[in-house]
Amino acid sequence: MWTLPGGGIEFGEPPEKAMTREVLEETGLEVIALDLLGINSFTITKADENFHSIQIVYLADIMAGELRYEEQGTTDMCAWHPYRDVQVLDSVELVKFAVSMINWHGV
């Protein structure tokens, strides 16, 4: 399933810095945050594990780099998709949330 670049925040790391680091690691693109689009949160409760995710979604601009697959990482692949196609991709809830925030902000 398709998702957005992202990952964990290092202790003491500002969220915006974590976003730029994760995007670079996973895509090879250097970006800057333009705006905070929204914050999504979900939990998963299992018999042996509880998990809480807070997803901070930024509107960003590409400053440099070439789109590439993550080297030695967890991302299988990355690709550009026309915006009209994103809404019908087989994707995780985060993508749907981001699209709703883009539409809400009128970006």
N, C-alpha and C. Protein backbone atom coordinates (compact mmCIF):
# COMPACT_ATOMS: atom_id res chain seq x y z
N MET A 1 0.84 -1.18 0.00
CA MET A 1 0.00 0.00 0.00
C MET A 1 0.89 1.25 0.00
N TRP A 2 0.40 2.29 -0.63
CA TRP A 2 1.14 3.53 -0.68
C TRP A 2 0.96 4.31 0.61
N THR A 3 1.99 5.02 1.01
CA THR A 3 1.94 5.90 2.16
C THR A 3 2.77 7.15 1.85
N LEU A 4 2.94 8.00 2.82
CA LEU A 4 3.77 9.18 2.68
C LEU A 4 5.10 8.94 3.37
N PRO A 5 6.14 9.65 2.97
CA PRO A 5 7.41 9.51 3.69
C PRO A 5 7.21 9.92 5.15
N GLY A 6 7.90 9.24 6.03
CA GLY A 6 7.79 9.60 7.44
C GLY A 6 8.50 8.59 8.32
N GLY A 7 8.43 8.85 9.60
CA GLY A 7 9.06 7.95 10.55
C GLY A 7 9.09 8.57 11.92
N GLY A 8 9.93 8.02 12.75
CA GLY A 8 10.01 8.46 14.13
C GLY A 8 10.78 9.75 14.30
N ILE A 9 10.47 10.42 15.40
CA ILE A 9 11.18 11.64 15.79
C ILE A 9 12.23 11.24 16.82
N GLU A 10 13.45 11.70 16.59
CA GLU A 10 14.53 11.44 17.56
C GLU A 10 14.29 12.29 18.80
N PHE A 11 14.76 11.82 19.95
CA PHE A 11 14.59 12.57 21.19
C PHE A 11 15.15 13.98 21.04
N GLY A 12 14.32 14.98 21.34
CA GLY A 12 14.74 16.38 21.27
C GLY A 12 14.71 16.99 19.88
N GLU A 13 14.37 16.20 18.87
CA GLU A 13 14.35 16.69 17.48
C GLU A 13 13.05 17.44 17.21
N PRO A 14 13.11 18.64 16.65
CA PRO A 14 11.88 19.33 16.27
C PRO A 14 11.14 18.54 15.18
N PRO A 15 9.80 18.48 15.24
CA PRO A 15 9.04 17.71 14.25
C PRO A 15 9.33 18.10 12.80
N GLU A 16 9.48 19.38 12.53
CA GLU A 16 9.77 19.84 11.17
C GLU A 16 11.11 19.29 10.68
N LYS A 17 12.10 19.25 11.55
CA LYS A 17 13.42 18.70 11.21
C LYS A 17 13.32 17.19 10.97
N ALA A 18 12.52 16.51 11.78
CA ALA A 18 12.32 15.07 11.59
C ALA A 18 11.71 14.80 10.22
N MET A 19 10.74 15.63 9.82
CA MET A 19 10.10 15.46 8.52
C MET A 19 11.11 15.61 7.39
N THR A 20 11.93 16.65 7.43
CA THR A 20 12.89 16.86 6.35
C THR A 20 13.92 15.73 6.31
N ARG A 21 14.34 15.25 7.48
CA ARG A 21 15.29 14.14 7.55
C ARG A 21 14.70 12.87 6.97
N GLU A 22 13.48 12.54 7.37
CA GLU A 22 12.83 11.31 6.90
C GLU A 22 12.56 11.35 5.40
N VAL A 23 12.13 12.50 4.87
CA VAL A 23 11.89 12.61 3.43
C VAL A 23 13.19 12.40 2.67
N LEU A 24 14.27 13.01 3.14
CA LEU A 24 15.56 12.83 2.49
C LEU A 24 16.00 11.37 2.53
N GLU A 25 15.89 10.72 3.70
CA GLU A 25 16.28 9.33 3.83
C GLU A 25 15.48 8.41 2.90
N GLU A 26 14.18 8.64 2.82
CA GLU A 26 13.30 7.72 2.11
C GLU A 26 13.15 8.02 0.62
N THR A 27 13.43 9.26 0.20
CA THR A 27 13.18 9.62 -1.20
C THR A 27 14.37 10.25 -1.92
N GLY A 28 15.37 10.71 -1.18
CA GLY A 28 16.48 11.42 -1.79
C GLY A 28 16.19 12.88 -2.06
N LEU A 29 15.05 13.38 -1.62
CA LEU A 29 14.66 14.76 -1.88
C LEU A 29 14.88 15.64 -0.65
N GLU A 30 15.48 16.80 -0.87
CA GLU A 30 15.62 17.80 0.18
C GLU A 30 14.41 18.71 0.11
N VAL A 31 13.68 18.82 1.21
CA VAL A 31 12.45 19.62 1.23
C VAL A 31 12.48 20.61 2.38
N ILE A 32 11.61 21.61 2.27
CA ILE A 32 11.35 22.52 3.39
C ILE A 32 9.85 22.52 3.63
N ALA A 33 9.48 22.66 4.88
CA ALA A 33 8.06 22.73 5.24
C ALA A 33 7.53 24.11 4.90
N LEU A 34 6.39 24.14 4.23
CA LEU A 34 5.72 25.40 3.92
C LEU A 34 4.61 25.70 4.90
N ASP A 35 3.92 24.65 5.33
CA ASP A 35 2.76 24.83 6.21
C ASP A 35 2.44 23.52 6.90
N LEU A 36 1.86 23.60 8.05
CA LEU A 36 1.34 22.43 8.75
C LEU A 36 -0.08 22.18 8.24
N LEU A 37 -0.30 21.02 7.61
CA LEU A 37 -1.63 20.71 7.07
C LEU A 37 -2.56 20.14 8.13
N GLY A 38 -2.03 19.30 9.00
CA GLY A 38 -2.88 18.71 10.02
C GLY A 38 -2.14 17.66 10.82
N ILE A 39 -2.81 17.19 11.87
CA ILE A 39 -2.25 16.15 12.74
C ILE A 39 -3.28 15.05 12.85
N ASN A 40 -2.83 13.82 12.58
CA ASN A 40 -3.69 12.64 12.66
C ASN A 40 -3.16 11.76 13.79
N SER A 41 -4.03 11.03 14.43
CA SER A 41 -3.63 10.17 15.53
C SER A 41 -4.45 8.89 15.48
N PHE A 42 -3.79 7.76 15.78
CA PHE A 42 -4.52 6.51 15.89
C PHE A 42 -3.83 5.59 16.88
N THR A 43 -4.58 4.63 17.39
CA THR A 43 -4.03 3.64 18.31
C THR A 43 -4.35 2.25 17.81
N ILE A 44 -3.49 1.33 18.16
CA ILE A 44 -3.71 -0.10 17.92
C ILE A 44 -3.52 -0.80 19.25
N THR A 45 -4.52 -1.58 19.64
CA THR A 45 -4.44 -2.33 20.89
C THR A 45 -4.50 -3.81 20.56
N LYS A 46 -3.46 -4.53 20.97
CA LYS A 46 -3.40 -5.98 20.81
C LYS A 46 -3.15 -6.60 22.18
N ALA A 47 -3.31 -7.89 22.27
CA ALA A 47 -3.11 -8.58 23.55
C ALA A 47 -1.71 -8.35 24.11
N ASP A 48 -0.71 -8.29 23.24
CA ASP A 48 0.68 -8.19 23.70
C ASP A 48 1.32 -6.83 23.42
N GLU A 49 0.56 -5.88 22.86
CA GLU A 49 1.18 -4.62 22.49
C GLU A 49 0.13 -3.53 22.33
N ASN A 50 0.48 -2.33 22.80
CA ASN A 50 -0.32 -1.14 22.55
C ASN A 50 0.55 -0.17 21.76
N PHE A 51 -0.03 0.46 20.75
CA PHE A 51 0.73 1.36 19.88
C PHE A 51 -0.08 2.62 19.66
N HIS A 52 0.57 3.78 19.79
CA HIS A 52 -0.08 5.06 19.53
C HIS A 52 0.78 5.83 18.54
N SER A 53 0.19 6.24 17.44
CA SER A 53 0.90 7.00 16.40
C SER A 53 0.30 8.39 16.29
N ILE A 54 1.18 9.38 16.25
CA ILE A 54 0.78 10.75 15.97
C ILE A 54 1.46 11.14 14.67
N GLN A 55 0.67 11.47 13.67
CA GLN A 55 1.19 11.76 12.33
C GLN A 55 1.00 13.24 12.03
N ILE A 56 2.12 13.93 11.85
CA ILE A 56 2.13 15.37 11.57
C ILE A 56 2.36 15.53 10.07
N VAL A 57 1.39 16.16 9.40
CA VAL A 57 1.44 16.26 7.94
C VAL A 57 1.74 17.71 7.53
N TYR A 58 2.83 17.86 6.78
CA TYR A 58 3.26 19.17 6.30
C TYR A 58 3.06 19.28 4.80
N LEU A 59 2.79 20.49 4.34
CA LEU A 59 2.92 20.84 2.94
C LEU A 59 4.38 21.23 2.78
N ALA A 60 5.05 20.66 1.81
CA ALA A 60 6.49 20.92 1.65
C ALA A 60 6.82 21.26 0.20
N ASP A 61 7.97 21.88 0.03
CA ASP A 61 8.47 22.23 -1.29
C ASP A 61 9.81 21.53 -1.48
N ILE A 62 10.03 21.01 -2.68
CA ILE A 62 11.29 20.33 -2.99
C ILE A 62 12.33 21.39 -3.33
N MET A 63 13.48 21.30 -2.66
CA MET A 63 14.57 22.24 -2.89
C MET A 63 15.67 21.64 -3.75
N ALA A 64 15.91 20.33 -3.62
CA ALA A 64 17.00 19.67 -4.35
C ALA A 64 16.80 18.16 -4.28
N GLY A 65 17.59 17.47 -5.09
CA GLY A 65 17.60 16.01 -5.03
C GLY A 65 16.90 15.37 -6.21
N GLU A 66 17.08 14.07 -6.31
CA GLU A 66 16.45 13.25 -7.34
C GLU A 66 15.68 12.14 -6.63
N LEU A 67 14.45 11.91 -7.05
CA LEU A 67 13.63 10.86 -6.46
C LEU A 67 14.31 9.51 -6.65
N ARG A 68 14.49 8.78 -5.55
CA ARG A 68 15.12 7.47 -5.59
C ARG A 68 14.56 6.61 -4.47
N TYR A 69 14.79 5.32 -4.57
CA TYR A 69 14.38 4.40 -3.51
C TYR A 69 15.31 4.56 -2.32
N GLU A 70 14.80 4.24 -1.14
CA GLU A 70 15.60 4.32 0.07
C GLU A 70 16.72 3.29 0.04
N GLU A 71 17.90 3.72 0.42
CA GLU A 71 19.05 2.83 0.46
C GLU A 71 19.14 2.18 1.83
N GLN A 72 19.17 0.84 1.88
CA GLN A 72 19.30 0.11 3.15
C GLN A 72 18.20 0.48 4.13
N GLY A 73 16.99 0.69 3.66
CA GLY A 73 15.93 1.13 4.55
C GLY A 73 14.68 0.27 4.47
N THR A 74 13.61 0.82 4.97
CA THR A 74 12.34 0.09 5.06
C THR A 74 11.36 0.42 3.94
N THR A 75 11.67 1.42 3.13
CA THR A 75 10.77 1.82 2.06
C THR A 75 11.02 0.95 0.83
N ASP A 76 9.98 0.30 0.32
CA ASP A 76 10.12 -0.58 -0.84
C ASP A 76 10.43 0.20 -2.12
N MET A 77 9.67 1.28 -2.33
CA MET A 77 9.85 2.07 -3.54
C MET A 77 9.17 3.42 -3.35
N CYS A 78 9.46 4.35 -4.24
CA CYS A 78 8.76 5.63 -4.22
C CYS A 78 8.49 6.03 -5.67
N ALA A 79 7.42 6.80 -5.84
CA ALA A 79 7.02 7.20 -7.19
C ALA A 79 6.13 8.44 -7.11
N TRP A 80 6.10 9.19 -8.19
CA TRP A 80 5.18 10.31 -8.32
C TRP A 80 3.87 9.80 -8.90
N HIS A 81 2.77 10.35 -8.42
CA HIS A 81 1.44 10.02 -8.94
C HIS A 81 0.69 11.32 -9.18
N PRO A 82 -0.01 11.45 -10.30
CA PRO A 82 -0.84 12.64 -10.51
C PRO A 82 -1.85 12.77 -9.37
N TYR A 83 -2.09 14.00 -8.93
CA TYR A 83 -2.99 14.22 -7.79
C TYR A 83 -4.35 13.54 -7.98
N ARG A 84 -4.88 13.57 -9.18
CA ARG A 84 -6.20 12.97 -9.42
C ARG A 84 -6.17 11.46 -9.19
N ASP A 85 -5.00 10.83 -9.33
CA ASP A 85 -4.89 9.39 -9.13
C ASP A 85 -4.64 9.00 -7.67
N VAL A 86 -4.13 9.95 -6.88
CA VAL A 86 -3.80 9.64 -5.49
C VAL A 86 -5.03 9.17 -4.72
N GLN A 87 -6.16 9.77 -5.00
CA GLN A 87 -7.39 9.45 -4.27
C GLN A 87 -7.90 8.04 -4.54
N VAL A 88 -7.41 7.38 -5.59
CA VAL A 88 -7.87 6.02 -5.90
C VAL A 88 -6.76 4.98 -5.74
N LEU A 89 -5.58 5.39 -5.28
CA LEU A 89 -4.50 4.44 -5.04
C LEU A 89 -4.85 3.53 -3.86
N ASP A 90 -4.28 2.35 -3.86
CA ASP A 90 -4.38 1.46 -2.70
C ASP A 90 -3.42 2.03 -1.66
N SER A 91 -3.95 2.77 -0.68
CA SER A 91 -3.10 3.50 0.24
C SER A 91 -3.58 3.37 1.68
N VAL A 92 -2.70 3.76 2.59
CA VAL A 92 -3.03 3.75 4.02
C VAL A 92 -3.88 4.98 4.35
N GLU A 93 -4.46 4.97 5.54
CA GLU A 93 -5.33 6.07 5.97
C GLU A 93 -4.63 7.41 5.98
N LEU A 94 -3.32 7.43 6.23
CA LEU A 94 -2.58 8.68 6.26
C LEU A 94 -2.68 9.43 4.95
N VAL A 95 -2.66 8.72 3.84
CA VAL A 95 -2.77 9.36 2.52
C VAL A 95 -4.16 9.99 2.38
N LYS A 96 -5.18 9.28 2.79
CA LYS A 96 -6.54 9.83 2.71
C LYS A 96 -6.67 11.06 3.60
N PHE A 97 -6.07 11.01 4.79
CA PHE A 97 -6.08 12.16 5.69
C PHE A 97 -5.38 13.35 5.04
N ALA A 98 -4.21 13.13 4.45
CA ALA A 98 -3.45 14.21 3.82
C ALA A 98 -4.24 14.83 2.66
N VAL A 99 -4.88 14.00 1.85
CA VAL A 99 -5.70 14.51 0.73
C VAL A 99 -6.85 15.36 1.28
N SER A 100 -7.49 14.91 2.36
CA SER A 100 -8.59 15.70 2.93
C SER A 100 -8.08 17.04 3.44
N MET A 101 -6.87 17.06 4.03
CA MET A 101 -6.30 18.31 4.53
C MET A 101 -5.91 19.23 3.38
N ILE A 102 -5.40 18.69 2.30
CA ILE A 102 -5.06 19.50 1.12
C ILE A 102 -6.34 20.13 0.56
N ASN A 103 -7.38 19.33 0.45
CA ASN A 103 -8.65 19.85 -0.07
C ASN A 103 -9.24 20.89 0.87
N TRP A 104 -9.16 20.66 2.19
CA TRP A 104 -9.71 21.58 3.17
C TRP A 104 -8.98 22.90 3.15
N HIS A 105 -7.65 22.86 2.98
CA HIS A 105 -6.84 24.08 2.96
C HIS A 105 -6.90 24.77 1.59
N GLY A 106 -7.46 24.08 0.59
CA GLY A 106 -7.54 24.67 -0.73
C GLY A 106 -6.21 24.79 -1.44
N VAL A 107 -5.30 23.87 -1.13
CA VAL A 107 -3.96 23.90 -1.74
C VAL A 107 -4.04 23.37 -3.15
